[in-house]
């Protein structure tokens, strides 16, 4: 039982190491619903660059979208916190995420780069 708990905590800390994943988790926690890759890309842009999609180059948006698509969303999915359908570009929180959400929320609360509460601005 103890190693199972330690494994879960290690997994949470691992996925929360990168700001893109923290933003995705914060949005999923705040919204409590499925989201598109496009929604998440715009939100990461707004939190990381304090900019709207209209004010940055398409290259910046593409870089964020590709990093989410190829790195961060697959990582969250492999840990069981989301399901990600790359064909439909659809992200959905899992029951496992709901179970660890209080721990994740505690970590997110101490991240000075995230406003509380995180709101989707699309």
C-alpha atoms as a PDB file:
ATOM      1  CA  UNK A   1       0.000   0.000   0.000  1.00  0.00           C
ATOM      2  CA  UNK A   2       2.780   2.428   0.929  1.00  0.00           C
ATOM      3  CA  UNK A   3       4.690   1.798  -2.311  1.00  0.00           C
ATOM      4  CA  UNK A   4       1.464   2.312  -4.276  1.00  0.00           C
ATOM      5  CA  UNK A   5       0.984   5.710  -2.616  1.00  0.00           C
ATOM      6  CA  UNK A   6       4.635   6.631  -3.148  1.00  0.00           C
ATOM      7  CA  UNK A   7       4.328   5.599  -6.792  1.00  0.00           C
ATOM      8  CA  UNK A   8       1.293   7.855  -7.213  1.00  0.00           C
ATOM      9  CA  UNK A   9       3.039  10.814  -5.567  1.00  0.00           C
ATOM     10  CA  UNK A  10       6.152  10.256  -7.720  1.00  0.00           C
ATOM     11  CA  UNK A  11       3.939  10.158 -10.814  1.00  0.00           C
ATOM     12  CA  UNK A  12       2.205  13.413  -9.846  1.00  0.00           C
ATOM     13  CA  UNK A  13       5.514  15.179  -9.199  1.00  0.00           C
ATOM     14  CA  UNK A  14       6.883  13.839 -12.485  1.00  0.00           C
ATOM     15  CA  UNK A  15       3.994  15.120 -14.602  1.00  0.00           C
ATOM     16  CA  UNK A  16       3.964  18.454 -12.763  1.00  0.00           C
ATOM     17  CA  UNK A  17       7.636  19.146 -13.547  1.00  0.00           C
ATOM     18  CA  UNK A  18       6.831  20.915 -16.817  1.00  0.00           C
ATOM     19  CA  UNK A  19       4.753  24.069 -16.900  1.00  0.00           C
ATOM     20  CA  UNK A  20       2.801  23.029 -20.014  1.00  0.00           C
ATOM     21  CA  UNK A  21       1.526  19.960 -18.160  1.00  0.00           C
ATOM     22  CA  UNK A  22       0.712  22.010 -15.052  1.00  0.00           C
ATOM     23  CA  UNK A  23      -1.349  24.381 -17.207  1.00  0.00           C
ATOM     24  CA  UNK A  24      -3.189  21.468 -18.851  1.00  0.00           C
ATOM     25  CA  UNK A  25      -3.940  19.874 -15.468  1.00  0.00           C
ATOM     26  CA  UNK A  26      -5.054  23.208 -13.984  1.00  0.00           C
ATOM     27  CA  UNK A  27      -7.402  23.819 -16.908  1.00  0.00           C
ATOM     28  CA  UNK A  28      -8.872  20.330 -16.744  1.00  0.00           C
ATOM     29  CA  UNK A  29      -9.381  20.705 -12.995  1.00  0.00           C
ATOM     30  CA  UNK A  30     -10.976  24.147 -13.361  1.00  0.00           C
ATOM     31  CA  UNK A  31     -13.141  23.261 -16.343  1.00  0.00           C
ATOM     32  CA  UNK A  32     -14.091  19.732 -15.240  1.00  0.00           C
ATOM     33  CA  UNK A  33     -14.691  18.729 -18.843  1.00  0.00           C
ATOM     34  CA  UNK A  34     -13.037  17.545 -22.027  1.00  0.00           C
ATOM     35  CA  UNK A  35     -11.066  20.050 -24.071  1.00  0.00           C
ATOM     36  CA  UNK A  36      -9.541  20.294 -27.513  1.00  0.00           C
ATOM     37  CA  UNK A  37      -5.854  20.523 -28.339  1.00  0.00           C
ATOM     38  CA  UNK A  38      -6.582  23.951 -29.822  1.00  0.00           C
ATOM     39  CA  UNK A  39      -8.118  25.200 -26.533  1.00  0.00           C
ATOM     40  CA  UNK A  40      -5.117  23.931 -24.578  1.00  0.00           C
ATOM     41  CA  UNK A  41      -2.644  25.449 -27.053  1.00  0.00           C
ATOM     42  CA  UNK A  42      -4.241  28.880 -26.707  1.00  0.00           C
ATOM     43  CA  UNK A  43      -4.243  28.634 -22.923  1.00  0.00           C
ATOM     44  CA  UNK A  44      -0.582  27.581 -22.735  1.00  0.00           C
ATOM     45  CA  UNK A  45       0.267  30.522 -24.999  1.00  0.00           C
ATOM     46  CA  UNK A  46      -1.620  32.935 -22.760  1.00  0.00           C
ATOM     47  CA  UNK A  47       0.016  31.676 -19.557  1.00  0.00           C
ATOM     48  CA  UNK A  48       3.563  31.197 -20.888  1.00  0.00           C
ATOM     49  CA  UNK A  49       3.796  34.228 -23.160  1.00  0.00           C
ATOM     50  CA  UNK A  50       1.067  36.489 -21.744  1.00  0.00           C
ATOM     51  CA  UNK A  51      -0.120  36.853 -25.341  1.00  0.00           C
ATOM     52  CA  UNK A  52      -3.169  36.049 -27.393  1.00  0.00           C
ATOM     53  CA  UNK A  53      -3.034  33.915 -30.556  1.00  0.00           C
ATOM     54  CA  UNK A  54      -3.628  37.055 -32.649  1.00  0.00           C
ATOM     55  CA  UNK A  55      -0.445  38.713 -31.374  1.00  0.00           C
ATOM     56  CA  UNK A  56       2.090  35.922 -31.991  1.00  0.00           C
ATOM     57  CA  UNK A  57       3.410  34.203 -35.077  1.00  0.00           C
ATOM     58  CA  UNK A  58       1.949  30.940 -36.293  1.00  0.00           C
ATOM     59  CA  UNK A  59       5.360  29.366 -35.567  1.00  0.00           C
ATOM     60  CA  UNK A  60       4.940  29.987 -31.836  1.00  0.00           C
ATOM     61  CA  UNK A  61       1.458  28.459 -31.858  1.00  0.00           C
ATOM     62  CA  UNK A  62       2.702  25.488 -33.883  1.00  0.00           C
ATOM     63  CA  UNK A  63       5.593  24.903 -31.495  1.00  0.00           C
ATOM     64  CA  UNK A  64       3.250  24.822 -28.486  1.00  0.00           C
ATOM     65  CA  UNK A  65       0.696  22.640 -30.298  1.00  0.00           C
ATOM     66  CA  UNK A  66       3.383  20.175 -31.408  1.00  0.00           C
ATOM     67  CA  UNK A  67       4.949  19.948 -27.937  1.00  0.00           C
ATOM     68  CA  UNK A  68       1.531  19.273 -26.416  1.00  0.00           C
ATOM     69  CA  UNK A  69       0.630  16.744 -29.129  1.00  0.00           C
ATOM     70  CA  UNK A  70       3.919  14.814 -29.175  1.00  0.00           C
ATOM     71  CA  UNK A  71       5.266  15.205 -25.619  1.00  0.00           C
ATOM     72  CA  UNK A  72       3.010  16.537 -22.888  1.00  0.00           C
ATOM     73  CA  UNK A  73      -0.403  15.024 -23.663  1.00  0.00           C
ATOM     74  CA  UNK A  74       1.073  11.548 -24.342  1.00  0.00           C
ATOM     75  CA  UNK A  75       2.959  11.819 -21.012  1.00  0.00           C
ATOM     76  CA  UNK A  76      -0.244  12.692 -19.135  1.00  0.00           C
ATOM     77  CA  UNK A  77      -2.063   9.876 -20.946  1.00  0.00           C
ATOM     78  CA  UNK A  78       0.669   7.324 -20.161  1.00  0.00           C
ATOM     79  CA  UNK A  79       0.350   8.199 -16.467  1.00  0.00           C
ATOM     80  CA  UNK A  80      -3.411   7.657 -16.703  1.00  0.00           C
ATOM     81  CA  UNK A  81      -4.528  11.227 -15.935  1.00  0.00           C
ATOM     82  CA  UNK A  82      -6.102  11.921 -19.322  1.00  0.00           C
ATOM     83  CA  UNK A  83      -7.231  10.159 -22.430  1.00  0.00           C
ATOM     84  CA  UNK A  84      -5.962  11.793 -25.581  1.00  0.00           C
ATOM     85  CA  UNK A  85      -7.350  11.084 -29.016  1.00  0.00           C
ATOM     86  CA  UNK A  86      -4.666  12.426 -31.377  1.00  0.00           C
ATOM     87  CA  UNK A  87      -6.892  12.004 -34.440  1.00  0.00           C
ATOM     88  CA  UNK A  88      -9.720  14.108 -33.019  1.00  0.00           C
ATOM     89  CA  UNK A  89      -7.254  16.205 -30.938  1.00  0.00           C
ATOM     90  CA  UNK A  90      -9.482  15.723 -27.925  1.00  0.00           C
ATOM     91  CA  UNK A  91      -8.359  15.587 -24.274  1.00  0.00           C
ATOM     92  CA  UNK A  92     -10.480  14.164 -21.498  1.00  0.00           C
ATOM     93  CA  UNK A  93      -9.688  13.884 -17.771  1.00  0.00           C
ATOM     94  CA  UNK A  94      -9.879  10.352 -16.371  1.00  0.00           C
ATOM     95  CA  UNK A  95     -11.273   8.961 -13.143  1.00  0.00           C
ATOM     96  CA  UNK A  96      -7.675   8.550 -11.973  1.00  0.00           C
ATOM     97  CA  UNK A  97      -7.111  12.296 -12.446  1.00  0.00           C
ATOM     98  CA  UNK A  98     -10.205  13.016 -10.381  1.00  0.00           C
ATOM     99  CA  UNK A  99      -8.772  10.847  -7.583  1.00  0.00           C
ATOM    100  CA  UNK A 100      -5.428  12.693  -7.500  1.00  0.00           C
ATOM    101  CA  UNK A 101      -6.858  16.133  -8.246  1.00  0.00           C
ATOM    102  CA  UNK A 102      -6.616  17.345  -4.612  1.00  0.00           C
ATOM    103  CA  UNK A 103      -2.871  16.577  -4.600  1.00  0.00           C
ATOM    104  CA  UNK A 104      -2.399  18.121  -8.041  1.00  0.00           C
ATOM    105  CA  UNK A 105      -4.366  21.199  -6.965  1.00  0.00           C
ATOM    106  CA  UNK A 106      -2.057  21.653  -3.968  1.00  0.00           C
ATOM    107  CA  UNK A 107       0.961  21.631  -6.285  1.00  0.00           C
ATOM    108  CA  UNK A 108      -0.718  24.017  -8.715  1.00  0.00           C
ATOM    109  CA  UNK A 109      -1.670  26.390  -5.893  1.00  0.00           C
ATOM    110  CA  UNK A 110       2.010  27.044  -5.136  1.00  0.00           C
ATOM    111  CA  UNK A 111       2.938  27.716  -8.781  1.00  0.00           C
ATOM    112  CA  UNK A 112       3.313  31.511  -8.914  1.00  0.00           C
ATOM    113  CA  UNK A 113       2.981  31.511 -12.707  1.00  0.00           C
ATOM    114  CA  UNK A 114      -0.591  30.225 -12.638  1.00  0.00           C
ATOM    115  CA  UNK A 115      -3.396  32.573 -11.736  1.00  0.00           C
ATOM    116  CA  UNK A 116      -6.011  31.206  -9.379  1.00  0.00           C
ATOM    117  CA  UNK A 117      -8.425  30.097 -10.565  1.00  0.00           C
ATOM    118  CA  UNK A 118      -7.213  29.207 -14.019  1.00  0.00           C
ATOM    119  CA  UNK A 119      -9.829  30.213 -16.538  1.00  0.00           C
ATOM    120  CA  UNK A 120     -10.172  29.209 -20.155  1.00  0.00           C
ATOM    121  CA  UNK A 121      -9.949  32.346 -22.290  1.00  0.00           C
ATOM    122  CA  UNK A 122     -11.083  31.376 -25.765  1.00  0.00           C
END
